[in-house]
Amino acid sequence: MNIIKHTVEKVEDITGILSGERYEFFIHVEVDEEDELYTEHGLYIKAIVAVDENTTRMMHYDIYEKTSDKYIDLALEEEEEQLLQEYCQQHIK
């Protein structure tokens, strides 16, 4: 998996229930044709990242096809999740 680009926005908790800060990432990726995630239309991952005091963790992610915004019901491999987690940590505003 190769990360191409991303956008990130801070998510405001208007209820005040959640501790820390939340960020929503839209991460555009490309994968090899042999990968089960591959689609000719490309992929993006929507990830929610939580930041509490000294901890940053990915709370949730979903994978979508770029052109149709169709949800892809597959999970990333452990190494790919780790790559995504590290990428998000590096790009928190």
PDB file of N, CA and C in Angstrom:
ATOM      1  N   MET A   1       0.851  -1.178   0.000  1.00  0.00           N
ATOM      2  CA  MET A   1       0.000   0.000   0.000  1.00  0.00           C
ATOM      3  C   MET A   1       0.891   1.234   0.000  1.00  0.00           C
ATOM      4  N   ASN A   2       0.562   2.168  -0.867  1.00  0.00           N
ATOM      5  CA  ASN A   2       1.315   3.408  -0.984  1.00  0.00           C
ATOM      6  C   ASN A   2       0.360   4.580  -0.760  1.00  0.00           C
ATOM      7  N   ILE A   3       0.703   5.444   0.195  1.00  0.00           N
ATOM      8  CA  ILE A   3      -0.128   6.608   0.475  1.00  0.00           C
ATOM      9  C   ILE A   3       0.232   7.712  -0.506  1.00  0.00           C
ATOM     10  N   ILE A   4      -0.789   8.240  -1.191  1.00  0.00           N
ATOM     11  CA  ILE A   4      -0.580   9.261  -2.214  1.00  0.00           C
ATOM     12  C   ILE A   4      -0.747  10.661  -1.638  1.00  0.00           C
ATOM     13  N   LYS A   5      -1.877  10.907  -0.970  1.00  0.00           N
ATOM     14  CA  LYS A   5      -2.157  12.225  -0.394  1.00  0.00           C
ATOM     15  C   LYS A   5      -3.246  12.075   0.651  1.00  0.00           C
ATOM     16  N   HIS A   6      -3.506  13.155   1.362  1.00  0.00           N
ATOM     17  CA  HIS A   6      -4.549  13.116   2.383  1.00  0.00           C
ATOM     18  C   HIS A   6      -5.126  14.504   2.620  1.00  0.00           C
ATOM     19  N   THR A   7      -6.281  14.511   3.258  1.00  0.00           N
ATOM     20  CA  THR A   7      -6.835  15.728   3.842  1.00  0.00           C
ATOM     21  C   THR A   7      -7.199  15.363   5.278  1.00  0.00           C
ATOM     22  N   VAL A   8      -7.180  16.361   6.147  1.00  0.00           N
ATOM     23  CA  VAL A   8      -7.508  16.113   7.551  1.00  0.00           C
ATOM     24  C   VAL A   8      -8.272  17.302   8.101  1.00  0.00           C
ATOM     25  N   GLU A   9      -9.259  17.006   8.921  1.00  0.00           N
ATOM     26  CA  GLU A   9     -10.037  18.052   9.578  1.00  0.00           C
ATOM     27  C   GLU A   9     -10.234  17.676  11.036  1.00  0.00           C
ATOM     28  N   LYS A  10     -10.186  18.666  11.891  1.00  0.00           N
ATOM     29  CA  LYS A  10     -10.485  18.436  13.297  1.00  0.00           C
ATOM     30  C   LYS A  10     -12.003  18.314  13.430  1.00  0.00           C
ATOM     31  N   VAL A  11     -12.458  17.306  14.176  1.00  0.00           N
ATOM     32  CA  VAL A  11     -13.877  17.072  14.394  1.00  0.00           C
ATOM     33  C   VAL A  11     -14.242  17.680  15.741  1.00  0.00           C
ATOM     34  N   GLU A  12     -15.203  18.578  15.722  1.00  0.00           N
ATOM     35  CA  GLU A  12     -15.644  19.232  16.955  1.00  0.00           C
ATOM     36  C   GLU A  12     -16.676  18.365  17.668  1.00  0.00           C
ATOM     37  N   ASP A  13     -16.487  18.172  18.967  1.00  0.00           N
ATOM     38  CA  ASP A  13     -17.445  17.431  19.792  1.00  0.00           C
ATOM     39  C   ASP A  13     -18.382  18.440  20.441  1.00  0.00           C
ATOM     40  N   ILE A  14     -19.522  18.671  19.808  1.00  0.00           N
ATOM     41  CA  ILE A  14     -20.443  19.685  20.322  1.00  0.00           C
ATOM     42  C   ILE A  14     -21.133  19.237  21.611  1.00  0.00           C
ATOM     43  N   THR A  15     -21.079  17.930  21.896  1.00  0.00           N
ATOM     44  CA  THR A  15     -21.711  17.427  23.120  1.00  0.00           C
ATOM     45  C   THR A  15     -20.803  17.560  24.333  1.00  0.00           C
ATOM     46  N   GLY A  16     -19.498  17.598  24.093  1.00  0.00           N
ATOM     47  CA  GLY A  16     -18.548  17.660  25.201  1.00  0.00           C
ATOM     48  C   GLY A  16     -18.367  16.327  25.909  1.00  0.00           C
ATOM     49  N   ILE A  17     -18.870  15.266  25.334  1.00  0.00           N
ATOM     50  CA  ILE A  17     -18.788  13.939  25.953  1.00  0.00           C
ATOM     51  C   ILE A  17     -17.403  13.306  25.787  1.00  0.00           C
ATOM     52  N   LEU A  18     -16.810  13.484  24.628  1.00  0.00           N
ATOM     53  CA  LEU A  18     -15.530  12.846  24.332  1.00  0.00           C
ATOM     54  C   LEU A  18     -14.370  13.622  24.939  1.00  0.00           C
ATOM     55  N   SER A  19     -13.400  12.894  25.463  1.00  0.00           N
ATOM     56  CA  SER A  19     -12.196  13.561  25.955  1.00  0.00           C
ATOM     57  C   SER A  19     -11.174  13.629  24.824  1.00  0.00           C
ATOM     58  N   GLY A  20     -10.310  14.605  24.884  1.00  0.00           N
ATOM     59  CA  GLY A  20      -9.294  14.755  23.856  1.00  0.00           C
ATOM     60  C   GLY A  20      -9.848  15.348  22.574  1.00  0.00           C
ATOM     61  N   GLU A  21      -9.085  15.168  21.496  1.00  0.00           N
ATOM     62  CA  GLU A  21      -9.464  15.710  20.197  1.00  0.00           C
ATOM     63  C   GLU A  21      -9.636  14.573  19.202  1.00  0.00           C
ATOM     64  N   ARG A  22     -10.470  14.803  18.199  1.00  0.00           N
ATOM     65  CA  ARG A  22     -10.705  13.826  17.141  1.00  0.00           C
ATOM     66  C   ARG A  22     -10.404  14.473  15.798  1.00  0.00           C
ATOM     67  N   TYR A  23      -9.814  13.683  14.906  1.00  0.00           N
ATOM     68  CA  TYR A  23      -9.485  14.137  13.566  1.00  0.00           C
ATOM     69  C   TYR A  23     -10.018  13.130  12.559  1.00  0.00           C
ATOM     70  N   GLU A  24     -10.520  13.651  11.437  1.00  0.00           N
ATOM     71  CA  GLU A  24     -11.005  12.808  10.362  1.00  0.00           C
ATOM     72  C   GLU A  24     -10.046  12.936   9.185  1.00  0.00           C
ATOM     73  N   PHE A  25      -9.474  11.816   8.790  1.00  0.00           N
ATOM     74  CA  PHE A  25      -8.536  11.765   7.668  1.00  0.00           C
ATOM     75  C   PHE A  25      -9.212  11.121   6.469  1.00  0.00           C
ATOM     76  N   PHE A  26      -8.942  11.661   5.293  1.00  0.00           N
ATOM     77  CA  PHE A  26      -9.281  11.026   4.031  1.00  0.00           C
ATOM     78  C   PHE A  26      -7.941  10.778   3.347  1.00  0.00           C
ATOM     79  N   ILE A  27      -7.546   9.515   3.286  1.00  0.00           N
ATOM     80  CA  ILE A  27      -6.216   9.141   2.814  1.00  0.00           C
ATOM     81  C   ILE A  27      -6.345   8.375   1.498  1.00  0.00           C
ATOM     82  N   HIS A  28      -5.789   8.934   0.444  1.00  0.00           N
ATOM     83  CA  HIS A  28      -5.820   8.299  -0.876  1.00  0.00           C
ATOM     84  C   HIS A  28      -4.618   7.363  -0.977  1.00  0.00           C
ATOM     85  N   VAL A  29      -4.901   6.111  -1.370  1.00  0.00           N
ATOM     86  CA  VAL A  29      -3.855   5.094  -1.430  1.00  0.00           C
ATOM     87  C   VAL A  29      -3.896   4.380  -2.773  1.00  0.00           C
ATOM     88  N   GLU A  30      -2.785   3.745  -3.087  1.00  0.00           N
ATOM     89  CA  GLU A  30      -2.752   2.845  -4.238  1.00  0.00           C
ATOM     90  C   GLU A  30      -2.199   1.509  -3.756  1.00  0.00           C
ATOM     91  N   VAL A  31      -2.728   0.443  -4.332  1.00  0.00           N
ATOM     92  CA  VAL A  31      -2.299  -0.906  -3.969  1.00  0.00           C
ATOM     93  C   VAL A  31      -1.946  -1.672  -5.236  1.00  0.00           C
ATOM     94  N   ASP A  32      -1.149  -2.720  -5.092  1.00  0.00           N
ATOM     95  CA  ASP A  32      -0.761  -3.557  -6.220  1.00  0.00           C
ATOM     96  C   ASP A  32      -1.984  -4.257  -6.801  1.00  0.00           C
ATOM     97  N   GLU A  33      -1.926  -4.571  -8.074  1.00  0.00           N
ATOM     98  CA  GLU A  33      -3.037  -5.247  -8.743  1.00  0.00           C
ATOM     99  C   GLU A  33      -3.336  -6.609  -8.130  1.00  0.00           C
ATOM    100  N   GLU A  34      -2.340  -7.251  -7.530  1.00  0.00           N
ATOM    101  CA  GLU A  34      -2.537  -8.562  -6.911  1.00  0.00           C
ATOM    102  C   GLU A  34      -3.205  -8.469  -5.540  1.00  0.00           C
ATOM    103  N   ASP A  35      -3.265  -7.283  -4.960  1.00  0.00           N
ATOM    104  CA  ASP A  35      -3.850  -7.087  -3.632  1.00  0.00           C
ATOM    105  C   ASP A  35      -5.365  -7.233  -3.714  1.00  0.00           C
ATOM    106  N   GLU A  36      -5.974  -7.903  -2.724  1.00  0.00           N
ATOM    107  CA  GLU A  36      -7.431  -8.085  -2.745  1.00  0.00           C
ATOM    108  C   GLU A  36      -8.185  -6.763  -2.650  1.00  0.00           C
ATOM    109  N   LEU A  37      -7.534  -5.689  -2.190  1.00  0.00           N
ATOM    110  CA  LEU A  37      -8.163  -4.370  -2.112  1.00  0.00           C
ATOM    111  C   LEU A  37      -8.190  -3.653  -3.461  1.00  0.00           C
ATOM    112  N   TYR A  38      -7.423  -4.153  -4.409  1.00  0.00           N
ATOM    113  CA  TYR A  38      -7.258  -3.439  -5.686  1.00  0.00           C
ATOM    114  C   TYR A  38      -8.585  -3.209  -6.400  1.00  0.00           C
ATOM    115  N   THR A  39      -8.732  -1.997  -6.902  1.00  0.00           N
ATOM    116  CA  THR A  39      -9.812  -1.650  -7.815  1.00  0.00           C
ATOM    117  C   THR A  39      -9.229  -0.669  -8.823  1.00  0.00           C
ATOM    118  N   GLU A  40      -9.622  -0.791 -10.062  1.00  0.00           N
ATOM    119  CA  GLU A  40      -9.064   0.083 -11.098  1.00  0.00           C
ATOM    120  C   GLU A  40      -9.437   1.545 -10.884  1.00  0.00           C
ATOM    121  N   HIS A  41     -10.455   1.798 -10.087  1.00  0.00           N
ATOM    122  CA  HIS A  41     -10.898   3.168  -9.843  1.00  0.00           C
ATOM    123  C   HIS A  41     -10.160   3.843  -8.693  1.00  0.00           C
ATOM    124  N   GLY A  42      -9.329   3.107  -7.976  1.00  0.00           N
ATOM    125  CA  GLY A  42      -8.573   3.669  -6.875  1.00  0.00           C
ATOM    126  C   GLY A  42      -9.326   3.594  -5.551  1.00  0.00           C
ATOM    127  N   LEU A  43      -8.600   3.872  -4.476  1.00  0.00           N
ATOM    128  CA  LEU A  43      -9.137   3.741  -3.127  1.00  0.00           C
ATOM    129  C   LEU A  43      -8.831   4.958  -2.282  1.00  0.00           C
ATOM    130  N   TYR A  44      -9.682   5.168  -1.296  1.00  0.00           N
ATOM    131  CA  TYR A  44      -9.338   6.083  -0.222  1.00  0.00           C
ATOM    132  C   TYR A  44      -9.819   5.482   1.087  1.00  0.00           C
ATOM    133  N   ILE A  45      -9.188   5.892   2.163  1.00  0.00           N
ATOM    134  CA  ILE A  45      -9.511   5.397   3.489  1.00  0.00           C
ATOM    135  C   ILE A  45      -9.952   6.581   4.333  1.00  0.00           C
ATOM    136  N   LYS A  46     -11.086   6.423   4.980  1.00  0.00           N
ATOM    137  CA  LYS A  46     -11.581   7.432   5.916  1.00  0.00           C
ATOM    138  C   LYS A  46     -11.247   6.915   7.312  1.00  0.00           C
ATOM    139  N   ALA A  47     -10.434   7.665   8.054  1.00  0.00           N
ATOM    140  CA  ALA A  47      -9.988   7.221   9.376  1.00  0.00           C
ATOM    141  C   ALA A  47     -10.305   8.280  10.422  1.00  0.00           C
ATOM    142  N   ILE A  48     -10.733   7.818  11.592  1.00  0.00           N
ATOM    143  CA  ILE A  48     -10.958   8.697  12.739  1.00  0.00           C
ATOM    144  C   ILE A  48      -9.819   8.446  13.723  1.00  0.00           C
ATOM    145  N   VAL A  49      -9.130   9.517  14.089  1.00  0.00           N
ATOM    146  CA  VAL A  49      -7.977   9.431  14.980  1.00  0.00           C
ATOM    147  C   VAL A  49      -8.267  10.238  16.240  1.00  0.00           C
ATOM    148  N   ALA A  50      -7.969   9.631  17.393  1.00  0.00           N
ATOM    149  CA  ALA A  50      -8.174  10.289  18.684  1.00  0.00           C
ATOM    150  C   ALA A  50      -6.829  10.682  19.278  1.00  0.00           C
ATOM    151  N   VAL A  51      -6.788  11.882  19.851  1.00  0.00           N
ATOM    152  CA  VAL A  51      -5.587  12.371  20.523  1.00  0.00           C
ATOM    153  C   VAL A  51      -5.977  12.723  21.958  1.00  0.00           C
ATOM    154  N   ASP A  52      -5.425  11.997  22.927  1.00  0.00           N
ATOM    155  CA  ASP A  52      -5.651  12.230  24.348  1.00  0.00           C
ATOM    156  C   ASP A  52      -4.294  12.414  25.015  1.00  0.00           C
ATOM    157  N   GLU A  53      -4.062  13.544  25.626  1.00  0.00           N
ATOM    158  CA  GLU A  53      -2.815  13.853  26.322  1.00  0.00           C
ATOM    159  C   GLU A  53      -1.606  13.359  25.542  1.00  0.00           C
ATOM    160  N   ASN A  54      -1.033  12.198  25.882  1.00  0.00           N
ATOM    161  CA  ASN A  54       0.177  11.709  25.205  1.00  0.00           C
ATOM    162  C   ASN A  54      -0.097  10.551  24.261  1.00  0.00           C
ATOM    163  N   THR A  55      -1.352  10.244  23.992  1.00  0.00           N
ATOM    164  CA  THR A  55      -1.705   9.089  23.181  1.00  0.00           C
ATOM    165  C   THR A  55      -2.428   9.513  21.909  1.00  0.00           C
ATOM    166  N   THR A  56      -1.987   8.949  20.795  1.00  0.00           N
ATOM    167  CA  THR A  56      -2.669   9.135  19.518  1.00  0.00           C
ATOM    168  C   THR A  56      -2.989   7.748  18.988  1.00  0.00           C
ATOM    169  N   ARG A  57      -4.259   7.515  18.686  1.00  0.00           N
ATOM    170  CA  ARG A  57      -4.626   6.192  18.172  1.00  0.00           C
ATOM    171  C   ARG A  57      -5.730   6.305  17.126  1.00  0.00           C
ATOM    172  N   MET A  58      -5.686   5.364  16.209  1.00  0.00           N
ATOM    173  CA  MET A  58      -6.706   5.309  15.181  1.00  0.00           C
ATOM    174  C   MET A  58      -7.901   4.575  15.780  1.00  0.00           C
ATOM    175  N   MET A  59      -9.041   5.250  15.826  1.00  0.00           N
ATOM    176  CA  MET A  59     -10.239   4.678  16.429  1.00  0.00           C
ATOM    177  C   MET A  59     -10.994   3.777  15.451  1.00  0.00           C
ATOM    178  N   HIS A  60     -11.025   4.197  14.201  1.00  0.00           N
ATOM    179  CA  HIS A  60     -11.829   3.480  13.219  1.00  0.00           C
ATOM    180  C   HIS A  60     -11.385   3.887  11.816  1.00  0.00           C
ATOM    181  N   TYR A  61     -11.532   2.981  10.869  1.00  0.00           N
ATOM    182  CA  TYR A  61     -11.307   3.339   9.470  1.00  0.00           C
ATOM    183  C   TYR A  61     -12.265   2.560   8.583  1.00  0.00           C
ATOM    184  N   ASP A  62     -12.562   3.123   7.435  1.00  0.00           N
ATOM    185  CA  ASP A  62     -13.361   2.478   6.392  1.00  0.00           C
ATOM    186  C   ASP A  62     -12.656   2.688   5.067  1.00  0.00           C
ATOM    187  N   ILE A  63     -12.812   1.723   4.173  1.00  0.00           N
ATOM    188  CA  ILE A  63     -12.170   1.781   2.861  1.00  0.00           C
ATOM    189  C   ILE A  63     -13.260   1.997   1.807  1.00  0.00           C
ATOM    190  N   TYR A  64     -12.975   2.912   0.858  1.00  0.00           N
ATOM    191  CA  TYR A  64     -13.948   3.253  -0.189  1.00  0.00           C
ATOM    192  C   TYR A  64     -13.281   3.277  -1.558  1.00  0.00           C
ATOM    193  N   GLU A  65     -14.078   2.964  -2.576  1.00  0.00           N
ATOM    194  CA  GLU A  65     -13.637   3.137  -3.951  1.00  0.00           C
ATOM    195  C   GLU A  65     -13.760   4.625  -4.296  1.00  0.00           C
ATOM    196  N   LYS A  66     -12.761   5.178  -4.952  1.00  0.00           N
ATOM    197  CA  LYS A  66     -12.733   6.624  -5.215  1.00  0.00           C
ATOM    198  C   LYS A  66     -13.888   7.132  -6.061  1.00  0.00           C
ATOM    199  N   THR A  67     -14.090   6.557  -7.215  1.00  0.00           N
ATOM    200  CA  THR A  67     -15.036   7.154  -8.157  1.00  0.00           C
ATOM    201  C   THR A  67     -16.495   6.997  -7.746  1.00  0.00           C
ATOM    202  N   SER A  68     -16.821   5.909  -7.048  1.00  0.00           N
ATOM    203  CA  SER A  68     -18.217   5.658  -6.684  1.00  0.00           C
ATOM    204  C   SER A  68     -18.516   5.915  -5.210  1.00  0.00           C
ATOM    205  N   ASP A  69     -17.477   6.125  -4.402  1.00  0.00           N
ATOM    206  CA  ASP A  69     -17.608   6.233  -2.946  1.00  0.00           C
ATOM    207  C   ASP A  69     -18.244   4.980  -2.355  1.00  0.00           C
ATOM    208  N   LYS A  70     -18.104   3.864  -3.053  1.00  0.00           N
ATOM    209  CA  LYS A  70     -18.662   2.584  -2.594  1.00  0.00           C
ATOM    210  C   LYS A  70     -17.803   2.034  -1.461  1.00  0.00           C
ATOM    211  N   TYR A  71     -18.458   1.653  -0.351  1.00  0.00           N
ATOM    212  CA  TYR A  71     -17.782   1.059   0.795  1.00  0.00           C
ATOM    213  C   TYR A  71     -17.242  -0.311   0.420  1.00  0.00           C
ATOM    214  N   ILE A  72     -16.006  -0.583   0.809  1.00  0.00           N
ATOM    215  CA  ILE A  72     -15.392  -1.885   0.559  1.00  0.00           C
ATOM    216  C   ILE A  72     -15.257  -2.591   1.906  1.00  0.00           C
ATOM    217  N   ASP A  73     -15.935  -3.705   2.039  1.00  0.00           N
ATOM    218  CA  ASP A  73     -16.004  -4.421   3.311  1.00  0.00           C
ATOM    219  C   ASP A  73     -14.811  -5.368   3.481  1.00  0.00           C
ATOM    220  N   LEU A  74     -13.625  -4.796   3.587  1.00  0.00           N
ATOM    221  CA  LEU A  74     -12.397  -5.542   3.828  1.00  0.00           C
ATOM    222  C   LEU A  74     -11.583  -4.798   4.873  1.00  0.00           C
ATOM    223  N   ALA A  75     -10.695  -5.508   5.523  1.00  0.00           N
ATOM    224  CA  ALA A  75      -9.824  -4.895   6.523  1.00  0.00           C
ATOM    225  C   ALA A  75      -8.398  -4.829   5.987  1.00  0.00           C
ATOM    226  N   LEU A  76      -7.655  -3.876   6.494  1.00  0.00           N
ATOM    227  CA  LEU A  76      -6.242  -3.779   6.162  1.00  0.00           C
ATOM    228  C   LEU A  76      -5.470  -4.858   6.913  1.00  0.00           C
ATOM    229  N   GLU A  77      -4.326  -5.227   6.372  1.00  0.00           N
ATOM    230  CA  GLU A  77      -3.439  -6.137   7.087  1.00  0.00           C
ATOM    231  C   GLU A  77      -2.806  -5.374   8.242  1.00  0.00           C
ATOM    232  N   GLU A  78      -2.282  -6.101   9.202  1.00  0.00           N
ATOM    233  CA  GLU A  78      -1.715  -5.484  10.405  1.00  0.00           C
ATOM    234  C   GLU A  78      -0.631  -4.456  10.071  1.00  0.00           C
ATOM    235  N   GLU A  79       0.237  -4.789   9.115  1.00  0.00           N
ATOM    236  CA  GLU A  79       1.318  -3.847   8.735  1.00  0.00           C
ATOM    237  C   GLU A  79       0.734  -2.584   8.102  1.00  0.00           C
ATOM    238  N   GLU A  80      -0.332  -2.750   7.321  1.00  0.00           N
ATOM    239  CA  GLU A  80      -0.974  -1.606   6.678  1.00  0.00           C
ATOM    240  C   GLU A  80      -1.660  -0.713   7.715  1.00  0.00           C
ATOM    241  N   GLU A  81      -2.288  -1.329   8.705  1.00  0.00           N
ATOM    242  CA  GLU A  81      -2.893  -0.545   9.788  1.00  0.00           C
ATOM    243  C   GLU A  81      -1.829   0.249  10.536  1.00  0.00           C
ATOM    244  N   GLN A  82      -0.690  -0.378  10.786  1.00  0.00           N
ATOM    245  CA  GLN A  82       0.415   0.292  11.483  1.00  0.00           C
ATOM    246  C   GLN A  82       0.937   1.461  10.648  1.00  0.00           C
ATOM    247  N   LEU A  83       1.089   1.258   9.352  1.00  0.00           N
ATOM    248  CA  LEU A  83       1.527   2.324   8.449  1.00  0.00           C
ATOM    249  C   LEU A  83       0.548   3.489   8.488  1.00  0.00           C
ATOM    250  N   LEU A  84      -0.744   3.184   8.440  1.00  0.00           N
ATOM    251  CA  LEU A  84      -1.781   4.211   8.484  1.00  0.00           C
ATOM    252  C   LEU A  84      -1.748   4.967   9.809  1.00  0.00           C
ATOM    253  N   GLN A  85      -1.614   4.240  10.915  1.00  0.00           N
ATOM    254  CA  GLN A  85      -1.526   4.841  12.248  1.00  0.00           C
ATOM    255  C   GLN A  85      -0.348   5.817  12.323  1.00  0.00           C
ATOM    256  N   GLU A  86       0.825   5.373  11.889  1.00  0.00           N
ATOM    257  CA  GLU A  86       2.026   6.230  11.929  1.00  0.00           C
ATOM    258  C   GLU A  86       1.859   7.451  11.031  1.00  0.00           C
ATOM    259  N   TYR A  87       1.287   7.245   9.855  1.00  0.00           N
ATOM    260  CA  TYR A  87       1.068   8.348   8.920  1.00  0.00           C
ATOM    261  C   TYR A  87       0.173   9.413   9.562  1.00  0.00           C
ATOM    262  N   CYS A  88      -0.923   8.974  10.148  1.00  0.00           N
ATOM    263  CA  CYS A  88      -1.852   9.904  10.791  1.00  0.00           C
ATOM    264  C   CYS A  88      -1.172  10.662  11.939  1.00  0.00           C
ATOM    265  N   GLN A  89      -0.406   9.956  12.751  1.00  0.00           N
ATOM    266  CA  GLN A  89       0.302  10.603  13.862  1.00  0.00           C
ATOM    267  C   GLN A  89       1.211  11.721  13.352  1.00  0.00           C
ATOM    268  N   GLN A  90       1.865  11.496  12.252  1.00  0.00           N
ATOM    269  CA  GLN A  90       2.795  12.480  11.692  1.00  0.00           C
ATOM    270  C   GLN A  90       2.079  13.692  11.106  1.00  0.00           C
ATOM    271  N   HIS A  91       0.799  13.540  10.758  1.00  0.00           N
ATOM    272  CA  HIS A  91       0.090  14.618  10.061  1.00  0.00           C
ATOM    273  C   HIS A  91      -1.043  15.247  10.845  1.00  0.00           C
ATOM    274  N   ILE A  92      -1.044  15.082  12.158  1.00  0.00           N
ATOM    275  CA  ILE A  92      -2.019  15.771  12.994  1.00  0.00           C
ATOM    276  C   ILE A  92      -1.641  17.242  13.039  1.00  0.00           C
ATOM    277  N   LYS A  93      -2.619  18.105  12.855  1.00  0.00           N
ATOM    278  CA  LYS A  93      -2.369  19.559  12.852  1.00  0.00           C
ATOM    279  C   LYS A  93      -2.064  20.057  14.245  1.00  0.00           C
TER     280      LYS A  93
END
